[in-house]
Structure formats: structure tokens, C-alpha cells
Amino acid sequence: MNENSSTLRKIIDRNVERHLVKEFLMNNTKKAGFGGIDIRRTPNGTEVTVMAERPGMVIGRKGKIINDLQKQLDERFSIENPRLKVDEVENPALNAQVMAEKIASAMERGWYYRRAGHSAALNIMDAGARGVIITLAGKITGARHRTQKFIKGHVKYCGETAIEHMDVGYAVCVKKLGVIGVTVSIMRKGTKLPHEISIFSDEELKIRAAENAEPVAEEEGSE
């Protein structure tokens, strides 16, 4: 095996391992409002941060739950010296993974799919998102597979802009008729797209230049 193939294999193995870690932590912290993970390599090992709507449910009494999760990370995954942390999701309505889980949970509790989708889309837009697309796919109302979408605001479906500005979450709703996949894609609050430009008059440009100008320090001894 040449050097390039070896490097590619290491990258693939690392990405697979990260996906497995995410799946493991998501399955074990759903009740806490799992909002994603962040994995970073540090000089002391690998820092794994879980974002959760209710961090206390990830930590547990006297740290029992997080210590157990830490132990399983050490034993089950090939991650160099993993260190598990938990952060609170600042705004759950703008976190795609949290909202996908909420929609799935609502439908499992008996909410009609249209009510669950519309309600979530409104909550996301009210929280300040620029746009949202919620996709429900599966046996929604009968034995046949179908897809239903709820779209509000400005969204991007593909390309670099979508990768950079859209937060995506996925959850599964289990019903008697079968399973329903729930995908939530949110265009983040405050996003400025490449084609959006601002035009200022000459007077406005002078004012902005004056506001941004650094004050000139007076020389010593000047009167």
C-alpha cells in the first residue's frame, strides 16, 4: 500500500469513527435534547463536546451519567485519549438536530404531521432563522411512502452556500404504520449570502469612513 492510500484510509477510518461516536452519544442523550457534537484534537488527546438542550441530564447526579459515557468512549472507540464535555444549546429553536427530534417526538405522541411540521417551522422562523425546510418522508398517512415538505423563508438546497449556511438535523419517528424520517435544514440567523450586497451613497460612505477612522495620537509637547 503506497503512502497516499495509507493517508486516505486513515482519513476514512477517522471519519467513520467520528460518525459512530456521534450515533452513540445521540442515542444515549436523546432525552436531554441532543443538539450535535464537536470533536477536536488537542495536544492532550481528543475533546468531544456534546451540545444538549438540558445539560444536567447528560451530566447526571454527581456526574454519574457523563462518567459512564466517558468510560464507554474509552472502551468502545478508537479515539486517542477522549475527554467528554457538555455544553448547553443556546437557542434550541435554531438547532436543526433539536428541532428534528422534537418533531419526531411530537408525531410519536400523536400529533398530526401537518401540525407538527407547521408549528416547528413557525417556531424556527420566530427565533430569527432566515429560512427553514422541514422534510417528512415515510408512511405518513397510509401504507404508501410519501414526502411532505414545509418551507419558510430563504433556503439553499445544495452547493457550497448550503454547506456553509444551512444547519441540518435528522431524526426518526416510529409509528404503527412504519417509520418516518424527519430532516430539518435551517438557514442560520444573520446569514449574509454571496449575492447580497449593500449600496451606500457618497455621504453615507464618508460617515462610515469617519466612524471607522482611528484617532490620531497627539505628539508629546504639542500645544
C-alpha atoms as a PDB file:
ATOM      1  CA  MET A   1       0.000   0.000   0.000  1.00  0.00           C
ATOM      2  CA  ASN A   2       1.507   3.378  -1.024  1.00  0.00           C
ATOM      3  CA  GLU A   3       1.668   6.463   1.186  1.00  0.00           C
ATOM      4  CA  ASN A   4      -1.328   8.197  -0.449  1.00  0.00           C
ATOM      5  CA  SER A   5      -3.562   5.155   0.001  1.00  0.00           C
ATOM      6  CA  SER A   6      -2.489   4.838   3.621  1.00  0.00           C
ATOM      7  CA  THR A   7      -3.296   8.507   4.310  1.00  0.00           C
ATOM      8  CA  LEU A   8      -6.698   8.196   2.602  1.00  0.00           C
ATOM      9  CA  ARG A   9      -7.510   5.087   4.637  1.00  0.00           C
ATOM     10  CA  LYS A  10      -6.649   6.911   7.867  1.00  0.00           C
ATOM     11  CA  ILE A  11      -8.941   9.810   6.926  1.00  0.00           C
ATOM     12  CA  ILE A  12     -11.814   7.457   6.080  1.00  0.00           C
ATOM     13  CA  ASP A  13     -11.345   5.459   9.291  1.00  0.00           C
ATOM     14  CA  ARG A  14     -11.281   8.667  11.342  1.00  0.00           C
ATOM     15  CA  ASN A  15     -14.486   9.959   9.747  1.00  0.00           C
ATOM     16  CA  VAL A  16     -16.249   6.605  10.257  1.00  0.00           C
ATOM     17  CA  GLU A  17     -15.175   6.608  13.901  1.00  0.00           C
ATOM     18  CA  ARG A  18     -16.500  10.153  14.363  1.00  0.00           C
ATOM     19  CA  HIS A  19     -19.851   9.125  12.881  1.00  0.00           C
ATOM     20  CA  LEU A  20     -20.070   6.120  15.203  1.00  0.00           C
ATOM     21  CA  VAL A  21     -19.264   8.325  18.208  1.00  0.00           C
ATOM     22  CA  LYS A  22     -21.981  10.792  17.169  1.00  0.00           C
ATOM     23  CA  GLU A  23     -24.525   7.981  16.762  1.00  0.00           C
ATOM     24  CA  PHE A  24     -23.605   6.518  20.165  1.00  0.00           C
ATOM     25  CA  LEU A  25     -23.883   9.847  22.009  1.00  0.00           C
ATOM     26  CA  MET A  26     -27.073  10.831  20.181  1.00  0.00           C
ATOM     27  CA  ASN A  27     -28.780   7.555  21.149  1.00  0.00           C
ATOM     28  CA  ASN A  28     -27.714   7.960  24.775  1.00  0.00           C
ATOM     29  CA  THR A  29     -28.616  11.644  25.209  1.00  0.00           C
ATOM     30  CA  LYS A  30     -31.889  11.975  23.260  1.00  0.00           C
ATOM     31  CA  LYS A  31     -33.907  12.761  26.384  1.00  0.00           C
ATOM     32  CA  ALA A  32     -31.531  15.619  27.139  1.00  0.00           C
ATOM     33  CA  GLY A  33     -32.270  17.276  23.777  1.00  0.00           C
ATOM     34  CA  PHE A  34     -29.191  16.225  21.797  1.00  0.00           C
ATOM     35  CA  GLY A  35     -28.065  19.085  19.573  1.00  0.00           C
ATOM     36  CA  GLY A  36     -24.896  17.721  17.975  1.00  0.00           C
ATOM     37  CA  ILE A  37     -21.267  17.080  18.846  1.00  0.00           C
ATOM     38  CA  ASP A  38     -17.958  18.797  18.255  1.00  0.00           C
ATOM     39  CA  ILE A  39     -14.799  16.662  18.079  1.00  0.00           C
ATOM     40  CA  ARG A  40     -11.432  18.404  18.284  1.00  0.00           C
ATOM     41  CA  ARG A  41      -7.914  17.045  18.518  1.00  0.00           C
ATOM     42  CA  THR A  42      -5.836  18.721  21.224  1.00  0.00           C
ATOM     43  CA  PRO A  43      -2.255  18.216  22.472  1.00  0.00           C
ATOM     44  CA  ASN A  44      -3.683  16.185  25.370  1.00  0.00           C
ATOM     45  CA  GLY A  45      -5.972  13.956  23.279  1.00  0.00           C
ATOM     46  CA  THR A  46      -9.418  14.277  21.693  1.00  0.00           C
ATOM     47  CA  GLU A  47     -12.020  16.656  23.109  1.00  0.00           C
ATOM     48  CA  VAL A  48     -15.608  15.501  22.492  1.00  0.00           C
ATOM     49  CA  THR A  49     -18.250  18.117  23.310  1.00  0.00           C
ATOM     50  CA  VAL A  50     -21.942  17.214  23.394  1.00  0.00           C
ATOM     51  CA  MET A  51     -24.417  20.048  22.794  1.00  0.00           C
ATOM     52  CA  ALA A  52     -27.644  19.456  24.715  1.00  0.00           C
ATOM     53  CA  GLU A  53     -30.808  21.391  25.478  1.00  0.00           C
ATOM     54  CA  ARG A  54     -30.719  20.089  29.080  1.00  0.00           C
ATOM     55  CA  PRO A  55     -27.041  19.538  30.036  1.00  0.00           C
ATOM     56  CA  GLY A  56     -27.947  18.358  33.533  1.00  0.00           C
ATOM     57  CA  MET A  57     -29.489  15.210  32.081  1.00  0.00           C
ATOM     58  CA  VAL A  58     -26.197  14.407  30.341  1.00  0.00           C
ATOM     59  CA  ILE A  59     -24.118  15.024  33.447  1.00  0.00           C
ATOM     60  CA  GLY A  60     -26.391  13.173  35.876  1.00  0.00           C
ATOM     61  CA  ARG A  61     -26.351  13.237  39.651  1.00  0.00           C
ATOM     62  CA  LYS A  62     -22.767  13.732  40.861  1.00  0.00           C
ATOM     63  CA  GLY A  63     -21.606  13.238  37.265  1.00  0.00           C
ATOM     64  CA  LYS A  64     -22.703   9.599  37.129  1.00  0.00           C
ATOM     65  CA  ILE A  65     -24.086   9.645  33.569  1.00  0.00           C
ATOM     66  CA  ILE A  66     -21.258  11.599  31.950  1.00  0.00           C
ATOM     67  CA  ASN A  67     -18.666   9.447  33.738  1.00  0.00           C
ATOM     68  CA  ASP A  68     -20.349   6.307  32.382  1.00  0.00           C
ATOM     69  CA  LEU A  69     -20.406   7.762  28.861  1.00  0.00           C
ATOM     70  CA  GLN A  70     -16.739   8.711  29.234  1.00  0.00           C
ATOM     71  CA  LYS A  71     -15.888   5.160  30.243  1.00  0.00           C
ATOM     72  CA  GLN A  72     -17.717   3.722  27.215  1.00  0.00           C
ATOM     73  CA  LEU A  73     -15.923   6.149  24.891  1.00  0.00           C
ATOM     74  CA  ASP A  74     -12.601   4.899  26.266  1.00  0.00           C
ATOM     75  CA  GLU A  75     -13.533   1.232  25.856  1.00  0.00           C
ATOM     76  CA  ARG A  76     -15.572   1.112  22.645  1.00  0.00           C
ATOM     77  CA  PHE A  77     -13.954   3.588  20.256  1.00  0.00           C
ATOM     78  CA  SER A  78     -10.513   4.040  18.768  1.00  0.00           C
ATOM     79  CA  ILE A  79     -10.145   7.667  19.802  1.00  0.00           C
ATOM     80  CA  GLU A  80      -6.916   8.938  21.260  1.00  0.00           C
ATOM     81  CA  ASN A  81      -7.438   9.832  24.944  1.00  0.00           C
ATOM     82  CA  PRO A  82     -11.076  11.095  24.613  1.00  0.00           C
ATOM     83  CA  ARG A  83     -12.330  13.739  27.039  1.00  0.00           C
ATOM     84  CA  LEU A  84     -16.111  14.227  27.181  1.00  0.00           C
ATOM     85  CA  LYS A  85     -17.671  17.633  27.860  1.00  0.00           C
ATOM     86  CA  VAL A  86     -21.205  19.009  27.627  1.00  0.00           C
ATOM     87  CA  ASP A  87     -22.413  22.468  26.569  1.00  0.00           C
ATOM     88  CA  GLU A  88     -25.915  23.914  26.597  1.00  0.00           C
ATOM     89  CA  VAL A  89     -27.655  24.673  23.308  1.00  0.00           C
ATOM     90  CA  GLU A  90     -28.115  28.451  23.405  1.00  0.00           C
ATOM     91  CA  ASN A  91     -31.282  28.595  21.310  1.00  0.00           C
ATOM     92  CA  PRO A  92     -32.955  25.182  20.775  1.00  0.00           C
ATOM     93  CA  ALA A  93     -35.321  26.601  18.132  1.00  0.00           C
ATOM     94  CA  LEU A  94     -32.311  27.391  15.913  1.00  0.00           C
ATOM     95  CA  ASN A  95     -30.670  23.983  16.342  1.00  0.00           C
ATOM     96  CA  ALA A  96     -31.700  21.675  13.488  1.00  0.00           C
ATOM     97  CA  GLN A  97     -30.990  18.432  15.368  1.00  0.00           C
ATOM     98  CA  VAL A  98     -33.002  19.504  18.426  1.00  0.00           C
ATOM     99  CA  MET A  99     -35.956  20.556  16.265  1.00  0.00           C
ATOM    100  CA  ALA A 100     -35.857  17.328  14.226  1.00  0.00           C
ATOM    101  CA  GLU A 101     -36.050  15.313  17.459  1.00  0.00           C
ATOM    102  CA  LYS A 102     -38.904  17.497  18.742  1.00  0.00           C
ATOM    103  CA  ILE A 103     -40.935  16.933  15.560  1.00  0.00           C
ATOM    104  CA  ALA A 104     -40.338  13.173  15.663  1.00  0.00           C
ATOM    105  CA  SER A 105     -41.295  13.049  19.345  1.00  0.00           C
ATOM    106  CA  ALA A 106     -44.448  15.106  18.769  1.00  0.00           C
ATOM    107  CA  MET A 107     -45.652  12.779  15.999  1.00  0.00           C
ATOM    108  CA  GLU A 108     -44.911   9.712  18.138  1.00  0.00           C
ATOM    109  CA  ARG A 109     -47.134  11.271  20.823  1.00  0.00           C
ATOM    110  CA  GLY A 110     -49.988  11.561  18.332  1.00  0.00           C
ATOM    111  CA  TRP A 111     -49.572  14.990  16.728  1.00  0.00           C
ATOM    112  CA  TYR A 112     -50.863  15.190  13.164  1.00  0.00           C
ATOM    113  CA  TYR A 113     -47.883  15.577  10.835  1.00  0.00           C
ATOM    114  CA  ARG A 114     -49.113  18.890   9.369  1.00  0.00           C
ATOM    115  CA  ARG A 115     -49.481  20.400  12.829  1.00  0.00           C
ATOM    116  CA  ALA A 116     -46.030  19.189  13.898  1.00  0.00           C
ATOM    117  CA  GLY A 117     -44.353  20.482  10.732  1.00  0.00           C
ATOM    118  CA  HIS A 118     -46.075  23.879  10.587  1.00  0.00           C
ATOM    119  CA  SER A 119     -45.635  24.518  14.311  1.00  0.00           C
ATOM    120  CA  ALA A 120     -41.913  23.727  14.203  1.00  0.00           C
ATOM    121  CA  ALA A 121     -41.368  25.873  11.098  1.00  0.00           C
ATOM    122  CA  LEU A 122     -43.094  28.854  12.745  1.00  0.00           C
ATOM    123  CA  ASN A 123     -41.086  28.458  15.953  1.00  0.00           C
ATOM    124  CA  ILE A 124     -37.830  28.330  13.985  1.00  0.00           C
ATOM    125  CA  MET A 125     -38.662  31.471  11.984  1.00  0.00           C
ATOM    126  CA  ASP A 126     -39.853  33.316  15.108  1.00  0.00           C
ATOM    127  CA  ALA A 127     -36.455  32.547  16.690  1.00  0.00           C
ATOM    128  CA  GLY A 128     -34.768  34.549  13.917  1.00  0.00           C
ATOM    129  CA  ALA A 129     -33.784  31.982  11.288  1.00  0.00           C
ATOM    130  CA  ARG A 130     -33.523  33.271   7.721  1.00  0.00           C
ATOM    131  CA  GLY A 131     -35.250  30.182   6.391  1.00  0.00           C
ATOM    132  CA  VAL A 132     -36.184  26.578   7.096  1.00  0.00           C
ATOM    133  CA  ILE A 133     -37.174  23.464   5.193  1.00  0.00           C
ATOM    134  CA  ILE A 134     -38.661  20.522   7.065  1.00  0.00           C
ATOM    135  CA  THR A 135     -38.957  17.229   5.175  1.00  0.00           C
ATOM    136  CA  LEU A 136     -41.035  14.288   6.395  1.00  0.00           C
ATOM    137  CA  ALA A 137     -40.539  11.082   4.416  1.00  0.00           C
ATOM    138  CA  GLY A 138     -42.130   7.696   5.016  1.00  0.00           C
ATOM    139  CA  LYS A 139     -45.529   6.236   5.790  1.00  0.00           C
ATOM    140  CA  ILE A 140     -47.069   9.498   6.921  1.00  0.00           C
ATOM    141  CA  THR A 141     -50.769   8.831   6.390  1.00  0.00           C
ATOM    142  CA  GLY A 142     -51.016   5.329   4.954  1.00  0.00           C
ATOM    143  CA  ALA A 143     -49.207   2.267   3.692  1.00  0.00           C
ATOM    144  CA  ARG A 144     -47.621   4.129   0.776  1.00  0.00           C
ATOM    145  CA  HIS A 145     -44.388   6.052   1.166  1.00  0.00           C
ATOM    146  CA  ARG A 146     -44.729   9.785   0.588  1.00  0.00           C
ATOM    147  CA  THR A 147     -42.829  13.011   1.217  1.00  0.00           C
ATOM    148  CA  GLN A 148     -44.154  16.226   2.725  1.00  0.00           C
ATOM    149  CA  LYS A 149     -42.185  19.475   2.916  1.00  0.00           C
ATOM    150  CA  PHE A 150     -42.710  22.647   4.960  1.00  0.00           C
ATOM    151  CA  ILE A 151     -40.724  25.609   3.638  1.00  0.00           C
ATOM    152  CA  LYS A 152     -40.491  29.132   5.019  1.00  0.00           C
ATOM    153  CA  GLY A 153     -38.109  31.995   4.352  1.00  0.00           C
ATOM    154  CA  HIS A 154     -34.928  31.688   2.307  1.00  0.00           C
ATOM    155  CA  VAL A 155     -33.278  28.280   1.904  1.00  0.00           C
ATOM    156  CA  LYS A 156     -30.466  26.751  -0.155  1.00  0.00           C
ATOM    157  CA  TYR A 157     -30.667  23.153  -1.330  1.00  0.00           C
ATOM    158  CA  CYS A 158     -27.132  22.387  -2.486  1.00  0.00           C
ATOM    159  CA  GLY A 159     -23.683  23.716  -3.202  1.00  0.00           C
ATOM    160  CA  GLU A 160     -21.111  25.462  -1.042  1.00  0.00           C
ATOM    161  CA  THR A 161     -23.637  28.044   0.176  1.00  0.00           C
ATOM    162  CA  ALA A 162     -25.896  25.313   1.569  1.00  0.00           C
ATOM    163  CA  ILE A 163     -22.958  23.555   3.244  1.00  0.00           C
ATOM    164  CA  GLU A 164     -21.731  26.780   4.829  1.00  0.00           C
ATOM    165  CA  HIS A 165     -25.014  28.407   5.893  1.00  0.00           C
ATOM    166  CA  MET A 166     -27.523  25.581   6.449  1.00  0.00           C
ATOM    167  CA  ASP A 167     -27.629  23.656   9.745  1.00  0.00           C
ATOM    168  CA  VAL A 168     -29.044  20.147   9.143  1.00  0.00           C
ATOM    169  CA  GLY A 169     -30.538  17.685  11.631  1.00  0.00           C
ATOM    170  CA  TYR A 170     -32.143  14.273  11.222  1.00  0.00           C
ATOM    171  CA  ALA A 171     -34.383  12.128  13.438  1.00  0.00           C
ATOM    172  CA  VAL A 172     -36.641   9.087  13.067  1.00  0.00           C
ATOM    173  CA  CYS A 173     -40.271   8.876  14.140  1.00  0.00           C
ATOM    174  CA  VAL A 174     -41.545   5.338  14.823  1.00  0.00           C
ATOM    175  CA  LYS A 175     -45.298   4.879  14.174  1.00  0.00           C
ATOM    176  CA  LYS A 176     -47.546   1.844  13.894  1.00  0.00           C
ATOM    177  CA  LEU A 177     -47.647   2.160  10.094  1.00  0.00           C
ATOM    178  CA  GLY A 178     -43.852   2.375   9.886  1.00  0.00           C
ATOM    179  CA  VAL A 179     -41.030   4.857  10.336  1.00  0.00           C
ATOM    180  CA  ILE A 180     -40.914   8.474   9.210  1.00  0.00           C
ATOM    181  CA  GLY A 181     -37.650  10.276   8.552  1.00  0.00           C
ATOM    182  CA  VAL A 182     -37.553  13.879   9.757  1.00  0.00           C
ATOM    183  CA  THR A 183     -34.988  16.234   8.218  1.00  0.00           C
ATOM    184  CA  VAL A 184     -34.695  19.854   9.334  1.00  0.00           C
ATOM    185  CA  SER A 185     -32.490  22.342   7.483  1.00  0.00           C
ATOM    186  CA  ILE A 186     -32.177  25.841   8.940  1.00  0.00           C
ATOM    187  CA  MET A 187     -30.519  28.846   7.348  1.00  0.00           C
ATOM    188  CA  ARG A 188     -28.738  30.378  10.304  1.00  0.00           C
ATOM    189  CA  LYS A 189     -29.715  33.669  11.864  1.00  0.00           C
ATOM    190  CA  GLY A 190     -27.835  36.658  10.430  1.00  0.00           C
ATOM    191  CA  THR A 191     -26.614  34.811   7.343  1.00  0.00           C
ATOM    192  CA  LYS A 192     -25.446  37.075   4.512  1.00  0.00           C
ATOM    193  CA  LEU A 193     -25.431  35.323   1.165  1.00  0.00           C
ATOM    194  CA  PRO A 194     -22.781  35.951  -1.535  1.00  0.00           C
ATOM    195  CA  HIS A 195     -25.196  37.717  -3.895  1.00  0.00           C
ATOM    196  CA  GLU A 196     -26.449  40.131  -1.218  1.00  0.00           C
ATOM    197  CA  ILE A 197     -24.639  43.474  -1.371  1.00  0.00           C
ATOM    198  CA  SER A 198     -25.121  46.837   0.321  1.00  0.00           C
ATOM    199  CA  ILE A 199     -25.128  50.087  -1.692  1.00  0.00           C
ATOM    200  CA  PHE A 200     -24.233  53.349   0.072  1.00  0.00           C
ATOM    201  CA  SER A 201     -24.389  56.941  -1.108  1.00  0.00           C
ATOM    202  CA  ASP A 202     -21.235  59.105  -1.089  1.00  0.00           C
ATOM    203  CA  GLU A 203     -22.462  60.826   2.065  1.00  0.00           C
ATOM    204  CA  GLU A 204     -23.051  57.504   3.845  1.00  0.00           C
ATOM    205  CA  LEU A 205     -19.571  56.299   2.816  1.00  0.00           C
ATOM    206  CA  LYS A 206     -17.989  59.443   4.301  1.00  0.00           C
ATOM    207  CA  ILE A 207     -19.882  58.934   7.568  1.00  0.00           C
ATOM    208  CA  ARG A 208     -18.867  55.258   7.776  1.00  0.00           C
ATOM    209  CA  ALA A 209     -15.233  56.143   6.971  1.00  0.00           C
ATOM    210  CA  ALA A 210     -15.231  58.792   9.734  1.00  0.00           C
ATOM    211  CA  GLU A 211     -16.705  56.329  12.224  1.00  0.00           C
ATOM    212  CA  ASN A 212     -14.066  53.698  11.405  1.00  0.00           C
ATOM    213  CA  ALA A 213     -11.113  56.094  11.299  1.00  0.00           C
ATOM    214  CA  GLU A 214      -8.578  55.609  14.084  1.00  0.00           C
ATOM    215  CA  PRO A 215      -7.955  58.708  16.225  1.00  0.00           C
ATOM    216  CA  VAL A 216      -4.561  60.313  15.638  1.00  0.00           C
ATOM    217  CA  ALA A 217      -2.472  60.486  18.799  1.00  0.00           C
ATOM    218  CA  GLU A 218      -1.127  63.948  19.634  1.00  0.00           C
ATOM    219  CA  GLU A 219       2.651  64.333  19.694  1.00  0.00           C
ATOM    220  CA  GLU A 220       4.301  64.991  23.011  1.00  0.00           C
ATOM    221  CA  GLY A 221       4.942  68.617  23.678  1.00  0.00           C
ATOM    222  CA  SER A 222       2.268  69.801  21.255  1.00  0.00           C
ATOM    223  CA  GLU A 223       0.079  72.595  22.485  1.00  0.00           C
END
